[in-house]
Protein backbone atom coordinates (compact mmCIF):
# COMPACT_ATOMS: atom_id res chain seq x y z
CA LYS A 1 107.27 176.48 50.64
CA VAL A 2 106.27 179.98 49.50
CA GLY A 3 106.74 180.05 45.45
CA THR A 4 107.25 176.56 45.11
CA MET A 5 105.66 175.93 42.16
CA ARG A 6 103.67 172.68 40.73
CA TYR A 7 101.81 172.05 36.93
CA ARG A 8 99.36 169.93 36.50
CA THR A 9 97.77 168.64 32.51
CA GLY A 10 94.88 167.12 31.46
CA THR A 11 92.38 166.85 29.67
CA GLU A 12 88.60 168.62 30.77
CA TYR A 13 85.60 168.20 28.96
CA VAL A 14 83.32 171.08 29.01
CA GLU A 15 79.07 171.02 27.38
CA VAL A 16 79.02 172.86 24.29
CA ASP A 17 75.38 174.26 25.09
CA GLY A 18 73.97 172.32 27.52
CA THR A 19 71.44 170.75 25.49
CA GLU A 20 69.94 167.35 26.57
CA LEU A 21 69.63 165.08 23.65
CA VAL A 22 67.97 162.32 25.07
CA THR A 23 64.21 162.43 25.02
CA ASN A 24 62.27 160.68 28.33
CA GLY A 25 65.59 159.50 30.00
CA ASP A 26 63.52 159.68 33.69
CA PHE A 27 61.61 156.92 31.61
CA ALA A 28 58.31 158.51 32.86
CA THR A 29 56.24 157.34 30.46
CA ASP A 30 56.74 154.18 27.44
CA SER A 31 58.36 156.12 25.01
CA ASP A 32 60.57 157.46 22.77
CA TRP A 33 62.36 154.48 22.97
CA THR A 34 62.87 151.29 21.07
CA LYS A 35 62.40 147.96 23.22
CA GLU A 36 63.56 144.87 21.98
CA THR A 37 62.42 141.85 23.28
CA GLY A 38 62.95 141.24 27.57
CA TRP A 39 63.34 145.42 28.18
CA THR A 40 60.24 147.07 29.53
CA ILE A 41 59.79 150.80 31.00
CA ALA A 42 57.22 151.21 34.16
CA SER A 43 57.55 153.05 37.34
CA GLY A 44 60.30 155.60 36.17
CA VAL A 45 62.61 152.91 35.15
CA ALA A 46 63.38 150.64 31.85
CA SER A 47 63.66 147.67 33.01
CA TYR A 48 66.10 143.84 31.74
CA ASN A 49 64.67 140.08 32.71
CA GLY A 50 67.79 138.73 32.56
CA THR A 51 66.61 136.18 30.15
CA SER A 52 69.35 136.21 27.49
CA ALA A 53 72.38 138.40 26.55
CA ASN A 54 73.22 140.84 23.63
CA ASN A 55 68.85 142.80 23.80
CA ALA A 56 69.00 146.02 23.83
CA ILE A 57 67.32 149.33 24.49
CA TYR A 58 67.95 152.29 22.31
CA GLN A 59 67.20 155.48 21.06
CA SER A 60 68.44 158.21 18.69
CA PRO A 61 68.58 161.55 19.57
CA GLY A 62 70.52 163.50 16.80
CA ILE A 63 74.51 162.27 17.55
CA THR A 64 77.13 162.92 15.48
CA THR A 65 79.78 160.37 14.92
CA GLY A 66 83.51 160.94 15.83
CA SER A 67 81.89 163.82 18.42
CA ILE A 68 82.22 163.75 22.08
CA TYR A 69 79.06 163.55 24.59
CA ARG A 70 78.57 162.63 27.61
CA VAL A 71 76.41 159.75 28.48
CA SER A 72 74.94 159.60 32.33
CA PHE A 73 72.87 157.32 33.50
CA SER A 74 71.45 155.59 37.23
CA ILE A 75 71.39 151.94 37.54
CA VAL A 76 68.78 150.33 40.39
CA ASN A 77 67.21 147.59 41.59
CA TYR A 78 70.40 145.19 39.72
CA VAL A 79 70.11 141.40 40.61
CA GLY A 80 73.33 140.20 38.36
CA GLY A 81 74.94 140.36 34.65
CA THR A 82 76.13 142.55 32.53
CA LEU A 83 75.02 146.18 30.25
CA VAL A 84 77.38 148.11 28.22
CA GLY A 85 76.03 151.63 27.05
CA ASN A 86 76.98 153.33 24.05
CA LEU A 87 76.93 155.39 21.17
CA SER A 88 76.79 153.81 18.40
CA GLY A 89 75.21 151.89 15.12
CA GLY A 90 74.58 148.91 17.07
CA GLN A 91 77.67 147.52 18.36
CA THR A 92 77.98 145.80 21.63
CA THR A 93 81.41 146.38 22.87
CA GLY A 94 83.35 149.80 23.96
CA GLY A 95 81.70 152.77 25.16
CA THR A 96 80.56 152.40 29.21
CA GLY A 97 82.47 148.93 29.55
CA ASN A 98 81.01 146.69 31.63
CA ILE A 99 78.58 147.86 34.54
CA THR A 100 77.92 145.10 37.02
CA ALA A 101 76.18 147.27 39.97
CA ASN A 102 74.21 149.52 41.17
CA GLY A 103 75.33 153.51 40.78
CA ASP A 104 75.42 156.47 39.11
CA TYR A 105 77.73 156.08 36.49
CA SER A 106 78.68 159.12 33.73
CA PHE A 107 81.22 158.47 30.88
CA ASN A 108 82.76 161.07 27.80
CA ILE A 109 82.77 158.78 24.59
CA THR A 110 83.15 158.94 21.28
CA ALA A 111 79.89 158.32 18.71
CA SER A 112 80.83 156.36 16.77
CA GLY A 113 77.02 155.91 15.53
CA PRO A 114 73.46 157.81 15.56
CA LEU A 115 71.98 155.80 18.53
CA CYS A 116 72.00 155.72 22.54
CA ILE A 117 72.06 152.14 22.78
CA PHE A 118 72.11 150.30 26.40
CA ARG A 119 73.12 146.14 25.71
CA SER A 120 72.34 143.27 28.21
CA THR A 121 76.16 141.25 27.42
CA ALA A 122 75.88 138.74 30.00
CA SER A 123 72.20 138.51 31.18
CA PHE A 124 71.56 141.77 32.50
CA ASN A 125 68.92 141.52 35.56
CA GLY A 126 68.42 144.91 36.69
CA SER A 127 67.73 148.57 35.80
CA ILE A 128 68.28 152.21 34.27
CA ASP A 129 67.09 155.11 35.29
CA ASN A 130 68.04 158.83 34.92
CA VAL A 131 69.69 158.91 31.17
CA SER A 132 71.31 162.28 30.32
CA VAL A 133 73.18 162.64 26.57
CA MET A 134 75.03 165.92 26.26
CA GLU A 135 77.46 166.45 24.24
CA VAL A 136 81.00 167.64 24.91
CA THR A 137 84.66 168.99 24.43
CA ALA A 138 87.81 168.13 25.38
CA GLU A 139 89.72 171.46 26.23
CA ASP A 140 93.42 171.34 27.87
CA ALA A 141 93.46 171.46 31.06
CA SER A 142 97.10 172.23 32.23
CA TYR A 143 97.57 174.90 35.48
CA ALA A 144 100.54 176.02 36.93
CA ASP A 145 99.89 176.87 40.80
CA MET A 146 102.02 179.05 43.40
CA CYS A 147 101.83 177.87 46.76
CA MET A 148 101.43 181.47 48.82
CA GLN A 149 100.99 182.46 52.94
CA THR A 150 97.66 182.79 53.59
CA GLY A 151 97.73 183.89 57.44
CA ALA A 152 100.05 183.64 60.34
CA SER A 153 101.27 179.75 59.56
CA THR A 154 98.30 178.84 57.25
CA TYR A 155 99.83 178.08 53.32
CA GLU A 156 97.42 177.12 50.29
CA TRP A 157 98.02 176.27 46.68
CA VAL A 158 97.12 179.18 44.25
CA ASN A 159 95.97 178.82 40.64
CA ILE A 160 97.67 181.58 38.71
CA VAL A 161 97.43 180.18 35.13
CA ARG A 162 95.20 178.08 33.77
CA ASN A 163 96.28 177.28 29.73
CA THR A 164 93.33 177.10 27.31
CA TYR A 165 95.25 177.39 24.01
């Protein structure tokens, strides 16, 4: 009905300054990442051979403990096992949760240390590509919408208020 109101609340994560913090996130060269046993960088991806759990690939991209970051990456050539991504001082839990399939992933993570880490937690066998880490900030995302008549027989929800305190 025209004039009906609806309210939405939540949190939005907005980039702080758009600065990419990871170096060589496209794995164009075999550089900038520390590779533990089983990890290789070649052909534009970082790959793990699934030989064991708990080996990692990581770098220190200048993140601040306690700040929130958006971590984005792709998994390609997935064969099996589990991968976890985190922003920490070497923790093996938390972060992105268990990744067990090809796909594009993006998570907002509160950093608990200075490292961007990808760790095989269950004999991961696959590759990572397009790693990105950008600082984000949480904003209140409360909205008020009103149902408006936009034509003789058409109606739309129109945002009339976005509260950002």
